[in-house]
Protein backbone atom coordinates (compact mmCIF):
# COMPACT_ATOMS: atom_id res chain seq x y z
CA MET A 1 -38.30 -79.56 3.15
CA ILE A 2 -40.87 -77.38 1.27
CA VAL A 3 -40.04 -73.82 0.38
CA TYR A 4 -42.21 -71.28 -1.45
CA ARG A 5 -41.84 -68.84 -4.30
CA TYR A 6 -44.35 -65.93 -4.15
CA LEU A 7 -45.34 -64.17 -7.29
CA PRO A 8 -47.99 -61.74 -8.54
CA GLU A 9 -50.84 -63.29 -10.44
CA GLU A 10 -49.61 -62.55 -13.91
CA PHE A 11 -46.00 -63.62 -13.29
CA GLY A 12 -47.04 -66.76 -11.48
CA LEU A 13 -49.35 -67.96 -14.16
CA ARG A 14 -46.82 -67.17 -16.81
CA ALA A 15 -44.16 -69.13 -14.97
CA LEU A 16 -46.43 -72.15 -14.74
CA GLN A 17 -47.43 -71.78 -18.30
CA GLN A 18 -43.92 -71.44 -19.74
CA GLN A 19 -42.47 -73.73 -16.97
CA LYS A 20 -39.60 -71.37 -16.54
CA TRP A 21 -38.20 -69.11 -13.76
CA LYS A 22 -36.75 -65.66 -14.19
CA ILE A 23 -33.31 -65.63 -12.58
CA ALA A 24 -32.45 -62.60 -10.54
CA ARG A 25 -29.18 -60.79 -11.05
CA LEU A 26 -27.12 -60.30 -7.82
CA LEU A 27 -26.87 -56.60 -8.20
CA GLU A 28 -30.60 -56.16 -8.89
CA LEU A 29 -31.96 -57.45 -5.59
CA ASN A 30 -34.37 -55.41 -3.63
CA ASP A 31 -31.81 -54.82 -0.86
CA PRO A 32 -28.72 -52.73 -1.89
CA PHE A 33 -26.62 -54.48 0.88
CA ASP A 34 -27.47 -57.92 -0.53
CA CYS A 35 -24.48 -59.80 -2.00
CA GLN A 36 -22.32 -56.65 -1.53
CA PRO A 37 -19.86 -57.52 1.19
CA ILE A 38 -16.87 -55.33 2.20
CA LEU A 39 -13.43 -56.61 1.22
CA SER A 40 -10.47 -55.95 3.53
CA ARG A 41 -6.93 -56.10 2.50
CA ASN A 42 -3.61 -55.20 4.08
CA SER A 43 -4.73 -56.24 7.50
CA GLY A 44 -7.89 -54.16 7.27
CA ALA A 45 -6.07 -51.01 6.18
CA ASP A 46 -7.88 -50.95 2.78
CA GLU A 47 -11.55 -51.63 2.37
CA VAL A 48 -13.55 -51.72 -0.84
CA LEU A 49 -17.08 -52.70 -1.91
CA ALA A 50 -17.30 -56.04 -3.54
CA SER A 51 -18.64 -54.44 -6.71
CA ASP A 52 -15.38 -52.51 -7.06
CA ASP A 53 -13.36 -55.71 -7.12
CA ALA A 54 -12.58 -57.45 -10.46
CA TYR A 55 -13.19 -60.96 -9.08
CA PHE A 56 -16.66 -60.04 -7.72
CA ARG A 57 -17.61 -58.23 -10.96
CA GLU A 58 -16.87 -61.50 -12.67
CA LEU A 59 -19.13 -63.32 -10.25
CA TYR A 60 -21.95 -60.74 -10.62
CA ASP A 61 -21.81 -61.32 -14.42
CA SER A 62 -21.85 -65.21 -14.16
CA ILE A 63 -24.08 -66.06 -11.22
CA GLY A 64 -27.78 -65.53 -10.67
CA ILE A 65 -30.13 -66.38 -7.80
CA LEU A 66 -33.47 -67.85 -7.00
CA CYS A 67 -35.01 -66.99 -3.67
CA TYR A 68 -37.45 -69.00 -1.64
CA CYS A 69 -39.28 -68.60 1.65
CA SER A 70 -39.90 -71.36 4.23
CA SER A 71 -42.99 -69.67 5.58
CA ILE A 72 -46.48 -69.73 4.07
CA ASN A 73 -48.28 -68.21 7.03
CA ASP A 74 -46.83 -64.65 7.19
CA PRO A 75 -49.21 -62.06 5.82
CA VAL A 76 -46.30 -59.51 5.37
CA ILE A 77 -44.65 -61.82 2.76
CA TRP A 78 -47.91 -62.26 0.90
CA SER A 79 -48.23 -58.45 0.95
CA HIS A 80 -44.68 -57.78 -0.25
CA TYR A 81 -44.13 -60.52 -2.82
CA ALA A 82 -47.58 -61.67 -3.85
CA ASP A 83 -49.17 -58.37 -4.84
CA SER A 84 -50.90 -57.75 -1.54
CA HIS A 85 -52.33 -61.28 -1.42
CA ARG A 86 -53.68 -61.19 -4.90
CA GLY A 87 -50.90 -63.51 -6.24
CA ILE A 88 -49.88 -67.11 -5.63
CA ALA A 89 -47.26 -69.09 -3.88
CA LEU A 90 -45.61 -72.17 -5.40
CA GLY A 91 -44.30 -74.72 -2.91
CA PHE A 92 -41.28 -76.89 -3.91
CA GLU A 93 -39.77 -79.83 -1.99
CA PHE A 94 -36.07 -80.05 -2.00
CA LYS A 95 -33.64 -82.49 -0.46
CA PRO A 96 -30.49 -81.36 1.49
CA THR A 97 -28.42 -82.40 -1.54
CA ASP A 98 -30.16 -80.01 -3.92
CA GLY A 99 -28.00 -77.13 -3.06
CA LEU A 100 -30.55 -74.96 -1.13
CA LEU A 101 -28.74 -72.51 1.11
CA LYS A 102 -30.25 -70.88 4.25
CA VAL A 103 -29.89 -67.16 4.67
CA LYS A 104 -28.35 -65.96 7.95
CA TYR A 105 -29.44 -62.84 9.84
CA PRO A 106 -26.70 -61.74 12.33
CA LYS A 107 -27.95 -60.46 15.57
CA TYR A 108 -26.09 -57.21 15.61
CA ASP A 109 -26.50 -56.37 11.94
CA SER A 110 -22.80 -56.49 11.20
CA ARG A 111 -22.26 -56.15 7.47
CA ALA A 112 -20.65 -59.12 5.66
CA HIS A 113 -16.86 -58.83 5.51
CA LEU A 114 -14.34 -60.92 3.71
CA ASP A 115 -10.62 -60.90 4.08
CA GLY A 116 -9.44 -60.07 0.48
CA ASP A 117 -5.96 -61.34 1.03
CA ASP A 118 -7.17 -64.70 2.25
CA LEU A 119 -9.64 -64.95 -0.52
CA ASP A 120 -6.89 -64.20 -3.21
CA ARG A 121 -4.82 -67.04 -1.82
CA LEU A 122 -7.72 -69.42 -1.63
CA LYS A 123 -8.54 -68.63 -5.29
CA LYS A 124 -5.14 -69.69 -6.37
CA GLU A 125 -5.32 -72.89 -4.33
CA ASN A 126 -8.80 -73.95 -5.08
CA TYR A 127 -11.19 -71.79 -7.06
CA ASP A 128 -14.33 -73.73 -6.15
CA GLU A 129 -13.45 -73.56 -2.36
CA ALA A 130 -13.02 -69.72 -2.85
CA LEU A 131 -16.50 -69.50 -4.51
CA LEU A 132 -18.09 -71.56 -1.70
CA LYS A 133 -16.62 -69.23 0.91
CA VAL A 134 -18.07 -66.19 -0.84
CA VAL A 135 -21.52 -67.73 -1.14
CA SER A 136 -21.61 -69.08 2.41
CA ASP A 137 -19.99 -66.03 4.15
CA ALA A 138 -21.24 -63.17 2.01
CA PHE A 139 -24.03 -64.03 -0.32
CA THR A 140 -26.33 -65.67 2.28
CA LYS A 141 -26.13 -62.98 4.91
CA LYS A 142 -28.72 -60.17 5.30
CA ALA A 143 -29.71 -57.62 7.92
CA LYS A 144 -31.69 -58.77 10.95
CA SER A 145 -34.76 -56.82 9.79
CA TRP A 146 -35.14 -59.37 6.82
CA GLU A 147 -35.48 -62.33 9.11
CA TYR A 148 -39.20 -62.49 8.66
CA GLU A 149 -38.65 -63.88 5.25
CA ARG A 150 -36.97 -67.10 6.41
CA GLU A 151 -35.23 -67.18 3.17
CA TYR A 152 -33.39 -70.04 1.28
CA ARG A 153 -31.43 -69.56 -1.96
CA HIS A 154 -30.32 -71.37 -5.03
CA PHE A 155 -27.30 -69.92 -6.81
CA ILE A 156 -27.42 -70.56 -10.63
CA TYR A 157 -24.68 -70.29 -13.32
CA LEU A 158 -26.08 -67.96 -15.90
CA LYS A 159 -24.26 -69.75 -18.75
CA GLY A 160 -26.74 -72.67 -18.20
CA CYS A 161 -29.85 -70.42 -18.60
CA ASP A 162 -31.84 -69.29 -21.51
CA MET A 163 -31.62 -65.56 -22.34
CA ILE A 164 -34.85 -63.97 -23.40
CA GLY A 165 -34.43 -60.25 -24.09
CA SER A 166 -32.23 -58.90 -21.38
CA HIS A 167 -33.31 -61.49 -18.68
CA TYR A 168 -32.17 -65.05 -17.84
CA PHE A 169 -34.51 -68.01 -17.41
CA ARG A 170 -34.18 -71.58 -16.44
CA ASP A 171 -36.54 -74.53 -16.37
CA MET A 172 -38.83 -74.78 -13.40
CA PRO A 173 -38.27 -77.93 -11.34
CA LEU A 174 -41.75 -79.30 -11.95
CA PRO A 175 -41.06 -82.72 -10.41
CA ASN A 176 -40.31 -80.83 -7.13
CA LEU A 177 -43.55 -78.85 -7.23
CA ARG A 178 -45.82 -79.96 -4.38
CA ARG A 179 -48.29 -77.20 -3.68
CA ILE A 180 -49.88 -74.14 -5.43
CA VAL A 181 -51.45 -71.73 -2.93
CA LEU A 182 -53.82 -69.04 -4.22
CA GLY A 183 -53.73 -65.74 -2.26
CA VAL A 184 -56.57 -64.58 -0.07
CA ARG A 185 -57.50 -61.96 -2.65
CA SER A 186 -56.51 -63.87 -5.75
CA HIS A 187 -58.90 -64.12 -8.60
CA VAL A 188 -57.10 -67.18 -10.05
CA THR A 189 -59.36 -70.18 -9.94
CA GLU A 190 -58.60 -73.96 -9.63
CA SER A 191 -59.62 -74.36 -13.26
CA ASP A 192 -57.09 -71.72 -14.38
CA VAL A 193 -54.35 -73.68 -12.79
CA ARG A 194 -55.50 -77.07 -13.93
CA ARG A 195 -55.94 -75.80 -17.50
CA ILE A 196 -52.21 -74.83 -17.51
CA MET A 197 -51.15 -78.13 -15.75
CA SER A 198 -53.00 -80.22 -18.41
CA ARG A 199 -50.45 -79.03 -20.93
CA TRP A 200 -47.52 -80.20 -18.94
CA GLN A 201 -45.61 -83.30 -20.28
CA ILE A 202 -44.52 -84.18 -16.77
CA PRO A 203 -47.11 -85.72 -14.32
CA CYS A 204 -46.98 -83.87 -11.09
CA ASN A 205 -48.52 -84.70 -7.66
CA VAL A 206 -49.64 -81.13 -6.84
CA GLU A 207 -52.16 -79.78 -4.28
CA ILE A 208 -54.05 -76.65 -5.19
CA ALA A 209 -55.03 -74.68 -2.10
CA LYS A 210 -56.77 -71.35 -1.27
CA ALA A 211 -55.20 -69.22 1.40
CA GLN A 212 -57.47 -67.95 4.22
CA THR A 213 -57.02 -65.56 7.07
CA ASP A 214 -56.96 -67.23 10.48
CA PRO A 215 -60.00 -66.20 12.65
CA LYS A 216 -57.98 -66.08 15.82
CA SER A 217 -54.59 -64.51 14.88
CA TYR A 218 -52.86 -62.23 12.38
CA ARG A 219 -51.70 -65.26 10.43
CA ILE A 220 -52.50 -66.98 7.13
CA THR A 221 -53.03 -70.35 8.77
CA ALA A 222 -56.20 -71.81 7.32
CA PHE A 223 -55.91 -73.47 3.88
CA GLN A 224 -58.85 -74.91 1.92
CA THR A 225 -57.59 -77.66 -0.42
CA ILE A 226 -59.60 -77.10 -3.61
CA TYR A 227 -57.93 -79.87 -5.65
CA PRO A 228 -56.49 -83.01 -4.19
CA ASN A 229 -53.03 -84.69 -4.87
CA SER A 230 -54.00 -86.54 -7.92
CA ALA A 231 -51.87 -86.34 -11.00
CA VAL A 232 -54.09 -88.65 -13.02
CA SER A 233 -57.30 -86.59 -12.34
CA ILE A 234 -55.49 -83.39 -13.01
CA LEU A 235 -54.54 -84.53 -16.40
CA GLN A 236 -57.67 -86.41 -17.28
CA ARG A 237 -60.55 -84.48 -15.80
CA ASP A 238 -63.02 -82.97 -18.23
CA HIS A 239 -62.53 -79.19 -18.26
CA THR A 240 -66.02 -78.74 -19.80
CA MET A 241 -67.43 -79.73 -16.49
CA CYS A 242 -66.18 -76.60 -14.85
CA THR A 243 -68.95 -74.46 -13.43
CA ASN A 244 -66.84 -71.19 -13.99
CA PRO A 245 -65.13 -71.62 -17.37
CA ARG A 246 -62.10 -69.28 -17.93
CA PRO A 247 -60.71 -68.01 -21.15
CA PRO A 248 -57.68 -69.57 -22.71
CA LEU A 249 -54.23 -68.17 -22.00
CA ARG A 250 -51.19 -67.46 -24.17
CA PRO A 251 -49.89 -69.00 -26.26
CA PHE A 252 -52.96 -69.66 -28.48
CA SER A 253 -53.37 -72.32 -31.04
CA ASP A 254 -53.53 -71.47 -34.76
CA GLN A 255 -57.20 -72.38 -34.98
CA TYR A 256 -58.14 -70.37 -31.98
CA LEU A 257 -56.40 -67.33 -33.47
CA ALA A 258 -58.16 -67.89 -36.86
CA ASP A 259 -61.60 -68.16 -35.25
CA TYR A 260 -60.83 -65.04 -33.06
CA SER A 261 -59.68 -62.99 -36.05
CA GLY A 262 -62.94 -63.76 -37.94
CA GLU A 263 -65.10 -62.61 -35.14
CA HIS A 264 -63.36 -60.21 -32.65
CA VAL A 265 -60.48 -58.56 -34.73
CA ALA A 266 -62.86 -58.25 -37.68
CA TYR A 267 -65.46 -56.55 -35.40
CA GLU A 268 -62.97 -53.93 -34.27
CA ILE A 269 -61.83 -53.10 -37.84
CA THR A 270 -65.45 -52.98 -39.08
CA MET A 271 -66.62 -50.85 -36.20
CA PHE A 272 -63.77 -48.35 -36.46
CA PHE A 273 -64.17 -47.74 -40.08
CA TYR A 274 -67.91 -47.82 -40.01
CA THR A 275 -68.02 -45.22 -37.20
CA LEU A 276 -65.38 -43.13 -39.04
CA ASP A 277 -67.35 -43.11 -42.27
CA ALA A 278 -70.98 -42.97 -41.05
CA PHE A 279 -70.94 -40.97 -37.69
CA ALA A 280 -67.73 -39.03 -37.22
CA SER A 281 -68.99 -36.09 -39.30
CA THR A 282 -71.89 -34.46 -37.63
CA GLY A 283 -73.24 -33.59 -41.11
CA ILE A 284 -73.84 -37.37 -41.71
CA LEU A 285 -75.69 -37.86 -38.43
CA PRO A 286 -79.44 -38.24 -39.08
CA PRO A 287 -81.55 -35.24 -38.21
CA HIS A 288 -83.52 -35.26 -35.02
CA GLN A 289 -85.96 -32.78 -33.67
CA ASN A 290 -84.67 -33.27 -30.20
CA ILE A 291 -81.21 -31.72 -29.68
CA LEU A 292 -80.56 -34.03 -26.79
CA GLN A 293 -80.96 -37.07 -28.99
CA ARG A 294 -78.58 -35.52 -31.64
CA ASP A 295 -75.90 -34.79 -28.84
CA PHE A 296 -76.38 -38.37 -27.62
CA LEU A 297 -75.63 -39.87 -31.04
CA SER A 298 -72.63 -37.54 -31.58
CA ASN A 299 -71.18 -38.57 -28.17
CA LEU A 300 -71.89 -42.17 -28.89
CA ALA A 301 -70.15 -41.94 -32.17
CA ALA A 302 -67.04 -40.17 -30.62
CA GLU A 303 -66.72 -42.83 -27.85
CA SER A 304 -67.21 -45.67 -30.36
CA TYR A 305 -64.51 -44.16 -32.62
CA ALA A 306 -62.04 -43.60 -29.73
CA THR A 307 -62.60 -47.03 -28.23
CA HIS A 308 -62.04 -49.00 -31.45
CA LEU A 309 -59.22 -46.87 -32.53
CA ARG A 310 -57.42 -47.44 -29.13
CA ASN A 311 -58.17 -51.17 -29.41
CA LEU A 312 -56.57 -51.40 -32.90
CA ILE A 313 -53.63 -49.39 -31.82
CA ASP A 314 -53.01 -51.69 -28.78
CA PHE A 315 -53.49 -54.73 -31.11
CA CYS A 316 -50.60 -53.48 -33.24
CA TYR A 317 -48.50 -51.91 -30.52
CA PRO A 318 -49.29 -53.60 -27.18
CA ARG A 319 -48.30 -52.10 -23.96
CA LYS A 320 -48.05 -54.27 -20.75
CA LEU A 321 -49.00 -57.71 -22.16
CA LYS A 322 -51.33 -59.86 -20.08
CA LEU A 323 -51.84 -63.65 -20.44
CA THR A 324 -55.26 -63.22 -22.19
CA ASP A 325 -54.26 -60.45 -24.50
CA ILE A 326 -54.28 -61.10 -28.21
CA ILE A 327 -52.05 -58.99 -30.41
CA ALA A 328 -50.90 -58.71 -34.01
CA ALA A 329 -47.64 -60.47 -33.31
CA ASP A 330 -49.51 -63.60 -32.16
CA TYR A 331 -50.62 -64.05 -35.91
CA CYS A 332 -47.05 -63.79 -37.29
CA GLN A 333 -44.17 -66.27 -37.25
CA GLY A 334 -41.38 -65.55 -34.79
CA LYS A 335 -40.43 -61.91 -34.76
CA SER A 336 -41.76 -61.12 -38.23
CA TRP A 337 -44.31 -58.60 -37.01
CA SER A 338 -41.87 -56.62 -34.70
CA ASN A 339 -39.29 -56.61 -37.56
CA SER A 340 -41.93 -55.41 -40.10
CA ALA A 341 -44.10 -52.92 -38.25
CA PRO A 342 -42.91 -49.31 -38.20
CA VAL A 343 -42.35 -47.54 -34.88
CA ILE A 344 -45.62 -46.18 -33.66
CA SER A 345 -46.25 -42.68 -34.88
CA GLN A 346 -46.75 -39.75 -32.66
CA ILE A 347 -50.25 -39.33 -34.09
CA LEU A 348 -51.29 -42.80 -32.90
CA MET A 349 -49.50 -42.35 -29.53
CA ASP A 350 -51.44 -39.20 -28.97
CA ALA A 351 -54.70 -40.74 -29.97
CA ARG A 352 -54.18 -43.71 -27.61
CA THR A 353 -53.28 -41.39 -24.73
CA ARG A 354 -56.26 -39.25 -25.46
CA ALA A 355 -58.70 -42.30 -25.50
CA ASP A 356 -57.12 -43.36 -22.17
CA LYS A 357 -57.60 -40.00 -20.54
CA GLU A 358 -60.83 -38.67 -22.16
CA VAL A 359 -62.99 -41.86 -22.80
CA ALA A 360 -61.70 -44.77 -20.73
CA HIS A 361 -61.22 -42.88 -17.44
CA LEU A 362 -62.53 -39.82 -15.58
CA THR A 363 -59.48 -37.52 -15.59
CA SER A 364 -58.76 -33.76 -15.51
CA SER A 365 -57.46 -34.24 -19.04
CA ARG A 366 -61.03 -34.30 -20.41
CA ILE A 367 -61.73 -31.23 -22.63
CA SER A 368 -64.57 -29.02 -21.43
CA GLY A 369 -67.06 -27.36 -23.73
CA LYS A 370 -66.91 -27.83 -27.52
CA PRO A 371 -63.71 -26.35 -28.88
CA GLN A 372 -62.55 -27.42 -32.36
CA HIS A 373 -59.66 -29.57 -30.97
CA LYS A 374 -62.07 -31.62 -29.04
CA HIS A 375 -63.37 -33.32 -32.30
CA TRP A 376 -62.04 -36.85 -32.85
CA ARG A 377 -62.16 -37.18 -36.69
CA ASN A 378 -58.62 -37.23 -38.15
CA PRO A 379 -58.02 -38.48 -41.71
CA GLN A 380 -54.47 -39.49 -40.57
CA HIS A 381 -55.97 -42.04 -38.17
CA ARG A 382 -57.69 -43.79 -41.16
CA ALA A 383 -54.60 -43.77 -43.30
CA GLU A 384 -52.22 -45.07 -40.57
CA ILE A 385 -54.53 -47.69 -39.27
CA ARG A 386 -55.35 -48.87 -42.84
CA ASP A 387 -51.61 -49.15 -43.70
CA LEU A 388 -50.84 -51.12 -40.43
CA LEU A 389 -53.68 -53.55 -41.11
CA GLN A 390 -52.62 -54.10 -44.67
CA LEU A 391 -49.09 -54.71 -43.46
CA PHE A 392 -50.49 -57.17 -40.83
CA GLU A 393 -52.49 -59.08 -43.45
CA LYS A 394 -49.34 -59.58 -45.58
CA THR A 395 -47.23 -60.59 -42.54
CA ALA A 396 -49.68 -62.90 -40.77
CA ALA A 397 -49.44 -66.72 -41.07
CA PRO A 398 -52.31 -67.80 -43.38
CA GLN A 399 -53.44 -70.63 -41.06
CA ARG A 400 -54.11 -68.16 -38.34
CA MET A 401 -56.20 -65.82 -40.38
CA ASN A 402 -59.95 -66.24 -41.16
CA ALA A 403 -60.98 -65.52 -44.69
CA LYS A 404 -63.45 -62.93 -43.42
CA ILE A 405 -60.84 -60.61 -41.99
CA VAL A 406 -58.60 -61.07 -45.05
CA ASP A 407 -61.38 -59.85 -47.17
CA ILE A 408 -62.22 -56.87 -44.85
CA ILE A 409 -58.57 -55.73 -44.75
CA ARG A 410 -58.18 -55.98 -48.58
CA SER A 411 -61.29 -53.89 -49.06
CA LEU A 412 -60.09 -50.94 -47.06
């Protein structure tokens, strides 16, 4: 049977690119009742939550979960799990022997109960049988109101997963991948997906389809196949023939980073320091008879200063990283940048927040009139950005740096 994993665009593309799934922890699921049965002991006289039991705490620390949905047509699922139809759904085909378990939705919403005394005896006799009972009787049972999900589950031993940061990941079963469905509102294109698939070492027979709303019902029932089931053509088709070329995605090659640094990173550095030196002081601005022209140039300088300052801060201290973002750490080996860079200062944090609120967006945080604290010029900005860039140049891998940017940074 084919079951689907729904994901927002960013996480879906990242999963395809890295070929890994994030494994959910049992106590972090979106339903607080999920995997939390009631344990009864002494003929029901004593009842406790599973999370208060030592055996279950051990299970919560050792087992994770992957959840799938058997439906591809329900608009509610697309809304809840695929970023309001902007994400993607990945369809996998599994055999009955692949360990996929169907979730049950009791008619009367009776909460999962387990006899703790029977479970204790079973653990002593056969630990695996006890675990199977817990999974089948308690970890695959949810309230009736969740039935629309038509959920199936894989339970995963965490000791066999890779730990990245505080999260667990395991390899995606690419040989089982049969379909990639782009949401109705998704901006992901067929070329985005094929570009990622071209890097896979495993040939896969995958259909790429675009979800559409059904004209006669409130269902997602019409699918336009935009790429056929052809592993050979997926791997061999010339990407330069795409009519809508898309930018490369992380991780980037050394050559791409070197070329990018010589053009775009160098531009940000040059523009920031040029604006700082040539325009930030109103005394340096060229005189104009028309006061409106002078105000225009002053405002232009302030916006240029704030924009390039924020871009350089984000380059050194990224926030929510996207698949197309390029940051200082990309140029350094391993974790050498995060280990070398100082914690972002309050001055730079304030400058970035101010650029967000006063330049990049229309907000009530914009300062009215022309008070002294509205001016952007701050000598500490120069000093801190210069020090960060010089540290970056020393930390970066030489093969990822263009000679132009090295010269620019050394001349600061």
